[in-house]
Amino acid sequence: MPLFYNALEAAAHRLSIVPPMFDYFGAMGLHAIVAAARTGLFDALRERPSTGAELATALNLDPHATGVLLRALTGLGYLRVRAGRYRLTRTSRRWLTTGSPASLLPGLAFWERTATTIWPGLEKAVRDGAPATPFYASLQNDPELSRSFHAWTAAMAARQAPAAARAVPVPRGARRLLDVGGGHGLFSLALLRRRPRLRATVIDLPDALASAAAHPRLTSRAGSFLEDDLGGGYDVVLLFNIVHGLNDEEAGLLLRRVAAALRPGGVVVVGDQFGDSRMPGRASRTLLHLLDLNYLVAVGGRVRGLDEVSVLLRAAGFGRIRHRRPLGSPTTELAIARKPHH
């Protein structure tokens, strides 16, 4: 949340004069954002600053309850109020309005469901080392969770894919690309736009392919990347946001299968978060640790360091491992390796 303590509040928390209430109330902030998005408050304020009464009338909301929500959102930093009229902050205008290129609205439903249906199983996951219910089994049994998850991953990929595509070293004369677990196909699409001779195949589960990008040189194929035939003769293989959801045995198996599917000299690109990367500060490190905890409770996975990913790549037969952090894609780094020519 875009909420910052002033000096007095910060001192009170450091000295533990006040309890750490914002940790308790953080989930409430999430639900406040979801309610504002679903009732149309953010989009209405994108059009013009308004009073609480005007918003309640225009959106058919209870006037008192609308005022309570608006004041909470103002305190959290998503709104400002001047002369009784509420207006969007830069944060909410960029990230929480329909039509913004950076909008996170597609993911709100997913994170709401994550907080209410997945994270309550954290205690069991910590005791057992595995999620109470495997995430992909949850997706199959919960269509709304599945829809919101795939909408979230597509929204994030839409922001990351152009920068990631610029950082992928496509071999000269490359013709075939395999996007493993690529679902929406947006990383493949970004590369196809840069490489007119390239053709791409995306392999993923049927639900993930339901909203795959359309392109004449992109083919979607339903299947399990750990069990079904991947094909062969590929010049580039993409593994974006896949490895963190696998244990070491599964990750090693997948990388060996990828190596078998690549031509000699072909490139594999692992796009993920790396736990041993330099972070700008404590808040960034803490977000990465929480993401690591989320992978544990959701899929039994984890954030690996670049060194750990490199060990897995070498064990699968890859060499010439490089690290890239694409500008414009701060949440995804790349580990790039090649299959030897011999």
Protein backbone atom coordinates (compact mmCIF):
# COMPACT_ATOMS: atom_id res chain seq x y z
CA MET A 1 0.00 0.00 0.00
CA PRO A 2 1.32 3.52 -0.75
CA LEU A 3 1.22 4.39 2.96
CA PHE A 4 4.23 5.90 4.72
CA TYR A 5 4.76 6.66 8.40
CA ASN A 6 5.74 10.15 9.47
CA ALA A 7 8.70 10.51 11.85
CA LEU A 8 6.56 10.28 14.99
CA GLU A 9 4.66 7.20 13.78
CA ALA A 10 7.87 5.50 12.64
CA ALA A 11 9.49 6.08 16.03
CA ALA A 12 6.41 4.72 17.82
CA HIS A 13 6.59 1.52 15.78
CA ARG A 14 10.35 1.10 16.12
CA LEU A 15 10.10 1.47 19.90
CA SER A 16 7.04 -0.83 19.97
CA ILE A 17 4.96 1.78 21.72
CA VAL A 18 2.08 0.84 19.43
CA PRO A 19 1.20 -2.68 18.20
CA PRO A 20 1.95 -3.72 14.59
CA MET A 21 -1.64 -3.21 13.52
CA PHE A 22 -0.98 -2.62 9.83
CA ASP A 23 0.09 -6.25 9.48
CA TYR A 24 -3.33 -7.24 10.82
CA PHE A 25 -5.16 -4.72 8.68
CA GLY A 26 -3.25 -5.31 5.44
CA ALA A 27 -5.83 -7.80 4.16
CA MET A 28 -8.53 -5.23 4.88
CA GLY A 29 -6.73 -2.79 2.61
CA LEU A 30 -6.84 -5.38 -0.18
CA HIS A 31 -10.60 -5.79 0.23
CA ALA A 32 -11.04 -2.00 0.23
CA ILE A 33 -9.26 -1.79 -3.15
CA VAL A 34 -11.34 -4.67 -4.55
CA ALA A 35 -14.58 -3.03 -3.41
CA ALA A 36 -13.59 0.32 -4.92
CA ALA A 37 -12.73 -1.33 -8.23
CA ARG A 38 -15.88 -3.44 -8.42
CA THR A 39 -18.25 -0.62 -7.50
CA GLY A 40 -16.65 1.63 -10.12
CA LEU A 41 -15.20 4.22 -7.72
CA PHE A 42 -11.75 4.32 -9.29
CA ASP A 43 -13.07 4.59 -12.85
CA ALA A 44 -15.61 7.25 -11.87
CA LEU A 45 -12.87 9.37 -10.28
CA ARG A 46 -10.73 8.89 -13.36
CA GLU A 47 -13.34 10.94 -15.22
CA ARG A 48 -13.57 13.79 -12.68
CA PRO A 49 -13.05 14.62 -8.98
CA SER A 50 -16.30 14.11 -7.05
CA THR A 51 -17.80 14.31 -3.60
CA GLY A 52 -18.83 11.19 -1.74
CA ALA A 53 -22.50 12.07 -2.24
CA GLU A 54 -22.02 12.49 -5.99
CA LEU A 55 -20.27 9.14 -6.26
CA ALA A 56 -22.92 7.38 -4.17
CA THR A 57 -25.68 8.76 -6.40
CA ALA A 58 -23.91 8.03 -9.69
CA LEU A 59 -22.96 4.47 -8.70
CA ASN A 60 -26.11 3.64 -6.71
CA LEU A 61 -24.23 3.11 -3.44
CA ASP A 62 -25.11 3.77 0.18
CA PRO A 63 -23.95 7.35 0.97
CA HIS A 64 -22.62 6.66 4.47
CA ALA A 65 -20.80 3.46 3.48
CA THR A 66 -19.33 5.20 0.43
CA GLY A 67 -17.92 7.93 2.66
CA VAL A 68 -16.35 5.37 5.00
CA LEU A 69 -14.68 3.57 2.07
CA LEU A 70 -13.45 6.82 0.51
CA ARG A 71 -11.85 7.94 3.76
CA ALA A 72 -10.10 4.60 4.18
CA LEU A 73 -8.78 4.72 0.61
CA THR A 74 -7.56 8.27 1.21
CA GLY A 75 -5.69 7.17 4.33
CA LEU A 76 -4.13 4.29 2.42
CA GLY A 77 -2.84 6.68 -0.24
CA TYR A 78 -5.08 5.76 -3.16
CA LEU A 79 -7.15 8.95 -3.09
CA ARG A 80 -6.71 12.61 -2.18
CA VAL A 81 -9.44 14.93 -0.99
CA ARG A 82 -9.58 18.69 -1.53
CA ALA A 83 -12.55 20.95 -0.73
CA GLY A 84 -14.68 17.86 -0.20
CA ARG A 85 -13.89 16.35 -3.61
CA TYR A 86 -12.02 13.10 -3.98
CA ARG A 87 -9.48 12.53 -6.76
CA LEU A 88 -7.15 9.72 -7.76
CA THR A 89 -3.51 9.66 -6.76
CA ARG A 90 -0.91 8.78 -9.38
CA THR A 91 -0.77 5.25 -7.94
CA SER A 92 -4.47 4.50 -8.35
CA ARG A 93 -4.71 6.22 -11.73
CA ARG A 94 -1.90 4.11 -13.16
CA TRP A 95 -2.52 0.75 -11.53
CA LEU A 96 -6.22 0.59 -10.65
CA THR A 97 -8.24 2.08 -13.51
CA THR A 98 -9.74 0.33 -16.50
CA GLY A 99 -7.85 1.01 -19.70
CA SER A 100 -4.56 1.99 -18.11
CA PRO A 101 -1.71 0.12 -19.85
CA ALA A 102 -0.34 -0.78 -16.41
CA SER A 103 -3.70 -1.72 -14.84
CA LEU A 104 -3.60 -4.46 -12.20
CA LEU A 105 -7.37 -4.81 -12.08
CA PRO A 106 -7.36 -8.25 -13.76
CA GLY A 107 -5.36 -9.59 -10.83
CA LEU A 108 -7.43 -8.20 -7.99
CA ALA A 109 -9.84 -11.14 -7.95
CA PHE A 110 -6.92 -13.59 -7.92
CA TRP A 111 -5.17 -11.95 -4.98
CA GLU A 112 -8.47 -11.65 -3.13
CA ARG A 113 -9.02 -15.40 -3.54
CA THR A 114 -5.40 -16.09 -2.65
CA ALA A 115 -5.79 -14.21 0.63
CA THR A 116 -9.07 -15.89 1.54
CA THR A 117 -8.75 -19.45 0.18
CA ILE A 118 -5.03 -20.26 -0.12
CA TRP A 119 -3.15 -18.42 2.63
CA PRO A 120 -5.29 -19.84 5.46
CA GLY A 121 -3.38 -23.06 4.69
CA LEU A 122 -0.01 -21.48 5.50
CA GLU A 123 0.28 -23.09 8.94
CA LYS A 124 -0.19 -26.56 7.47
CA ALA A 125 2.27 -25.80 4.67
CA VAL A 126 4.89 -24.71 7.20
CA ARG A 127 4.32 -27.87 9.27
CA ASP A 128 4.30 -30.26 6.30
CA GLY A 129 6.49 -28.43 3.78
CA ALA A 130 3.77 -28.68 1.14
CA PRO A 131 0.50 -26.88 0.37
CA ALA A 132 -2.72 -28.11 1.92
CA THR A 133 -4.24 -28.36 -1.58
CA PRO A 134 -2.03 -28.33 -4.70
CA PHE A 135 -2.61 -25.07 -6.55
CA TYR A 136 -3.37 -26.49 -9.96
CA ALA A 137 -5.86 -28.93 -8.45
CA SER A 138 -7.50 -25.88 -6.87
CA LEU A 139 -7.69 -24.21 -10.28
CA GLN A 140 -9.43 -27.22 -11.79
CA ASN A 141 -12.03 -27.21 -9.01
CA ASP A 142 -12.56 -23.44 -8.87
CA PRO A 143 -13.33 -21.83 -12.25
CA GLU A 144 -13.31 -18.30 -10.82
CA LEU A 145 -9.90 -18.80 -9.22
CA SER A 146 -8.63 -20.22 -12.51
CA ARG A 147 -10.02 -17.34 -14.56
CA SER A 148 -8.60 -14.69 -12.23
CA PHE A 149 -5.19 -16.40 -12.02
CA HIS A 150 -4.78 -16.54 -15.79
CA ALA A 151 -6.00 -12.94 -16.12
CA TRP A 152 -3.37 -11.87 -13.57
CA THR A 153 -0.51 -13.70 -15.28
CA ALA A 154 -1.53 -12.25 -18.64
CA ALA A 155 -1.67 -8.72 -17.20
CA MET A 156 1.83 -9.06 -15.76
CA ALA A 157 3.22 -10.63 -18.92
CA ALA A 158 1.80 -7.83 -21.06
CA ARG A 159 4.00 -5.40 -19.12
CA GLN A 160 7.10 -7.61 -19.01
CA ALA A 161 7.14 -9.28 -22.42
CA PRO A 162 8.46 -6.43 -24.64
CA ALA A 163 11.49 -5.81 -22.41
CA ALA A 164 12.11 -9.53 -21.96
CA ALA A 165 11.98 -10.13 -25.73
CA ARG A 166 14.66 -7.50 -26.29
CA ALA A 167 16.94 -9.36 -23.90
CA VAL A 168 16.54 -12.85 -25.40
CA PRO A 169 19.50 -13.78 -27.67
CA VAL A 170 17.77 -15.58 -30.55
CA PRO A 171 20.33 -17.64 -32.53
CA ARG A 172 21.01 -16.55 -36.10
CA GLY A 173 18.70 -18.32 -38.53
CA ALA A 174 16.35 -19.46 -35.76
CA ARG A 175 12.98 -20.72 -36.97
CA ARG A 176 11.27 -22.52 -34.08
CA LEU A 177 10.45 -21.47 -30.52
CA LEU A 178 8.83 -23.45 -27.71
CA ASP A 179 7.06 -21.58 -24.89
CA VAL A 180 6.74 -24.01 -21.96
CA GLY A 181 3.78 -23.27 -19.70
CA GLY A 182 3.32 -20.04 -21.62
CA GLY A 183 -0.50 -20.05 -21.49
CA HIS A 184 -1.36 -16.55 -22.70
CA GLY A 185 1.47 -16.69 -25.27
CA LEU A 186 2.48 -13.06 -24.72
CA PHE A 187 6.21 -13.73 -24.33
CA SER A 188 6.15 -15.69 -27.59
CA LEU A 189 4.13 -12.97 -29.27
CA ALA A 190 6.70 -10.32 -28.30
CA LEU A 191 9.46 -12.39 -29.91
CA LEU A 192 7.42 -13.12 -33.04
CA ARG A 193 6.96 -9.38 -33.55
CA ARG A 194 10.73 -8.92 -33.45
CA ARG A 195 11.58 -12.01 -35.54
CA PRO A 196 9.42 -12.37 -38.67
CA ARG A 197 10.88 -15.79 -39.57
CA LEU A 198 10.24 -17.32 -36.18
CA ARG A 199 7.33 -19.67 -35.43
CA ALA A 200 6.22 -20.45 -31.87
CA THR A 201 4.48 -23.32 -30.08
CA VAL A 202 2.97 -22.79 -26.63
CA ILE A 203 2.36 -25.90 -24.51
CA ASP A 204 0.18 -25.59 -21.40
CA LEU A 205 -2.92 -26.98 -19.72
CA PRO A 206 -6.25 -26.40 -21.51
CA ASP A 207 -7.54 -23.79 -19.02
CA ALA A 208 -4.37 -21.74 -19.41
CA LEU A 209 -4.71 -21.76 -23.21
CA ALA A 210 -8.33 -20.58 -23.19
CA SER A 211 -7.31 -16.94 -23.68
CA ALA A 212 -4.07 -17.45 -25.58
CA ALA A 213 -2.94 -14.68 -27.90
CA ALA A 214 -3.81 -15.14 -31.58
CA HIS A 215 -1.10 -14.91 -34.22
CA PRO A 216 -0.66 -16.72 -37.56
CA ARG A 217 2.79 -17.98 -36.50
CA LEU A 218 1.76 -19.09 -33.00
CA THR A 219 0.35 -22.56 -32.27
CA SER A 220 -1.17 -23.57 -28.94
CA ARG A 221 -0.93 -27.18 -27.79
CA ALA A 222 -2.66 -28.58 -24.70
CA GLY A 223 -0.53 -30.84 -22.57
CA SER A 224 1.67 -31.35 -19.51
CA PHE A 225 5.23 -30.14 -19.97
CA LEU A 226 6.44 -32.75 -17.44
CA GLU A 227 4.72 -35.70 -19.08
CA ASP A 228 3.72 -35.08 -22.71
CA ASP A 229 6.00 -34.99 -25.73
CA LEU A 230 7.55 -31.55 -26.22
CA GLY A 231 8.63 -32.21 -29.79
CA GLY A 232 12.10 -31.38 -31.04
CA GLY A 233 14.23 -29.21 -33.30
CA TYR A 234 13.63 -25.96 -31.40
CA ASP A 235 16.06 -23.06 -31.51
CA VAL A 236 14.73 -21.27 -28.41
CA VAL A 237 12.80 -22.51 -25.37
CA LEU A 238 11.15 -20.11 -22.93
CA LEU A 239 10.51 -21.03 -19.27
CA PHE A 240 8.88 -17.95 -17.79
CA ASN A 241 7.57 -18.20 -14.22
CA ILE A 242 7.72 -21.99 -14.30
CA VAL A 243 10.74 -23.09 -12.27
CA HIS A 244 9.57 -21.47 -9.02
CA GLY A 245 6.56 -23.81 -9.01
CA LEU A 246 8.65 -27.00 -9.23
CA ASN A 247 10.72 -28.94 -6.75
CA ASP A 248 14.35 -29.74 -7.62
CA GLU A 249 13.49 -33.16 -9.06
CA GLU A 250 10.76 -31.75 -11.30
CA ALA A 251 12.90 -28.78 -12.37
CA GLY A 252 15.79 -31.10 -13.27
CA LEU A 253 13.46 -33.36 -15.25
CA LEU A 254 11.97 -30.43 -17.15
CA LEU A 255 15.37 -28.96 -18.02
CA ARG A 256 16.58 -32.34 -19.31
CA ARG A 257 13.44 -32.60 -21.47
CA VAL A 258 14.06 -29.07 -22.76
CA ALA A 259 17.67 -29.95 -23.59
CA ALA A 260 16.47 -32.94 -25.61
CA ALA A 261 13.99 -30.75 -27.49
CA LEU A 262 16.59 -28.11 -28.46
CA ARG A 263 18.89 -28.15 -31.46
CA PRO A 264 22.62 -28.06 -30.71
CA GLY A 265 23.49 -24.42 -30.00
CA GLY A 266 19.88 -23.68 -29.00
CA VAL A 267 18.99 -21.28 -26.20
CA VAL A 268 16.91 -21.82 -23.06
CA VAL A 269 15.63 -18.77 -21.17
CA VAL A 270 14.53 -19.12 -17.54
CA GLY A 271 12.55 -16.03 -16.57
CA ASP A 272 11.88 -15.80 -12.84
CA GLN A 273 12.70 -14.04 -9.58
CA PHE A 274 16.14 -14.85 -8.17
CA GLY A 275 16.61 -14.77 -4.44
CA ASP A 276 20.32 -13.87 -4.52
CA SER A 277 19.86 -10.74 -6.64
CA ARG A 278 20.69 -7.33 -5.23
CA MET A 279 17.67 -5.51 -3.89
CA PRO A 280 17.37 -1.74 -3.43
CA GLY A 281 16.24 -2.01 0.20
CA ARG A 282 14.49 -3.85 3.00
CA ALA A 283 11.00 -3.41 1.55
CA SER A 284 12.01 -5.03 -1.76
CA ARG A 285 13.71 -7.92 0.02
CA THR A 286 10.65 -8.43 2.22
CA LEU A 287 8.33 -8.52 -0.80
CA LEU A 288 10.54 -11.22 -2.34
CA HIS A 289 10.45 -13.21 0.92
CA LEU A 290 6.65 -12.94 1.00
CA LEU A 291 6.51 -14.09 -2.61
CA ASP A 292 8.69 -17.05 -1.62
CA LEU A 293 6.18 -17.81 1.14
CA ASN A 294 3.35 -17.52 -1.37
CA TYR A 295 4.99 -20.09 -3.65
CA LEU A 296 5.31 -22.41 -0.65
CA VAL A 297 1.67 -22.18 0.43
CA ALA A 298 0.29 -22.24 -3.12
CA VAL A 299 2.38 -24.75 -5.06
CA GLY A 300 5.03 -26.08 -2.71
CA GLY A 301 7.60 -24.16 -4.75
CA ARG A 302 10.19 -21.54 -3.89
CA VAL A 303 12.28 -18.64 -5.06
CA ARG A 304 15.69 -19.94 -6.11
CA GLY A 305 18.90 -18.01 -6.41
CA LEU A 306 20.59 -17.57 -9.76
CA ASP A 307 23.37 -19.85 -8.50
CA GLU A 308 20.84 -22.59 -7.77
CA VAL A 309 19.23 -22.23 -11.20
CA SER A 310 22.69 -22.35 -12.78
CA VAL A 311 23.43 -25.64 -11.00
CA LEU A 312 20.20 -27.12 -12.39
CA LEU A 313 21.02 -25.88 -15.89
CA ARG A 314 24.53 -27.35 -15.83
CA ALA A 315 23.22 -30.68 -14.51
CA ALA A 316 20.86 -30.79 -17.53
CA GLY A 317 23.80 -30.29 -19.90
CA PHE A 318 23.62 -26.54 -20.56
CA GLY A 319 26.56 -24.16 -20.62
CA ARG A 320 27.45 -20.50 -21.26
CA ILE A 321 25.03 -19.36 -18.56
CA ARG A 322 24.36 -15.61 -18.42
CA HIS A 323 22.21 -13.37 -16.27
CA ARG A 324 20.16 -10.47 -17.56
CA ARG A 325 17.81 -8.07 -15.82
CA PRO A 326 15.71 -6.47 -18.61
CA LEU A 327 15.01 -2.78 -18.21
CA GLY A 328 11.26 -2.32 -18.00
CA SER A 329 10.72 -5.73 -16.38
CA PRO A 330 11.90 -5.29 -12.79
CA THR A 331 10.07 -8.31 -11.36
CA THR A 332 11.50 -10.87 -13.79
CA GLU A 333 15.17 -11.67 -14.38
CA LEU A 334 16.60 -14.01 -16.98
CA ALA A 335 19.00 -16.93 -16.76
CA ILE A 336 20.09 -17.69 -20.34
CA ALA A 337 21.99 -20.86 -21.29
CA ARG A 338 22.96 -22.72 -24.47
CA LYS A 339 22.95 -26.37 -25.45
CA PRO A 340 26.47 -27.32 -26.57
CA HIS A 341 27.06 -27.87 -30.30
CA HIS A 342 28.85 -31.19 -29.82
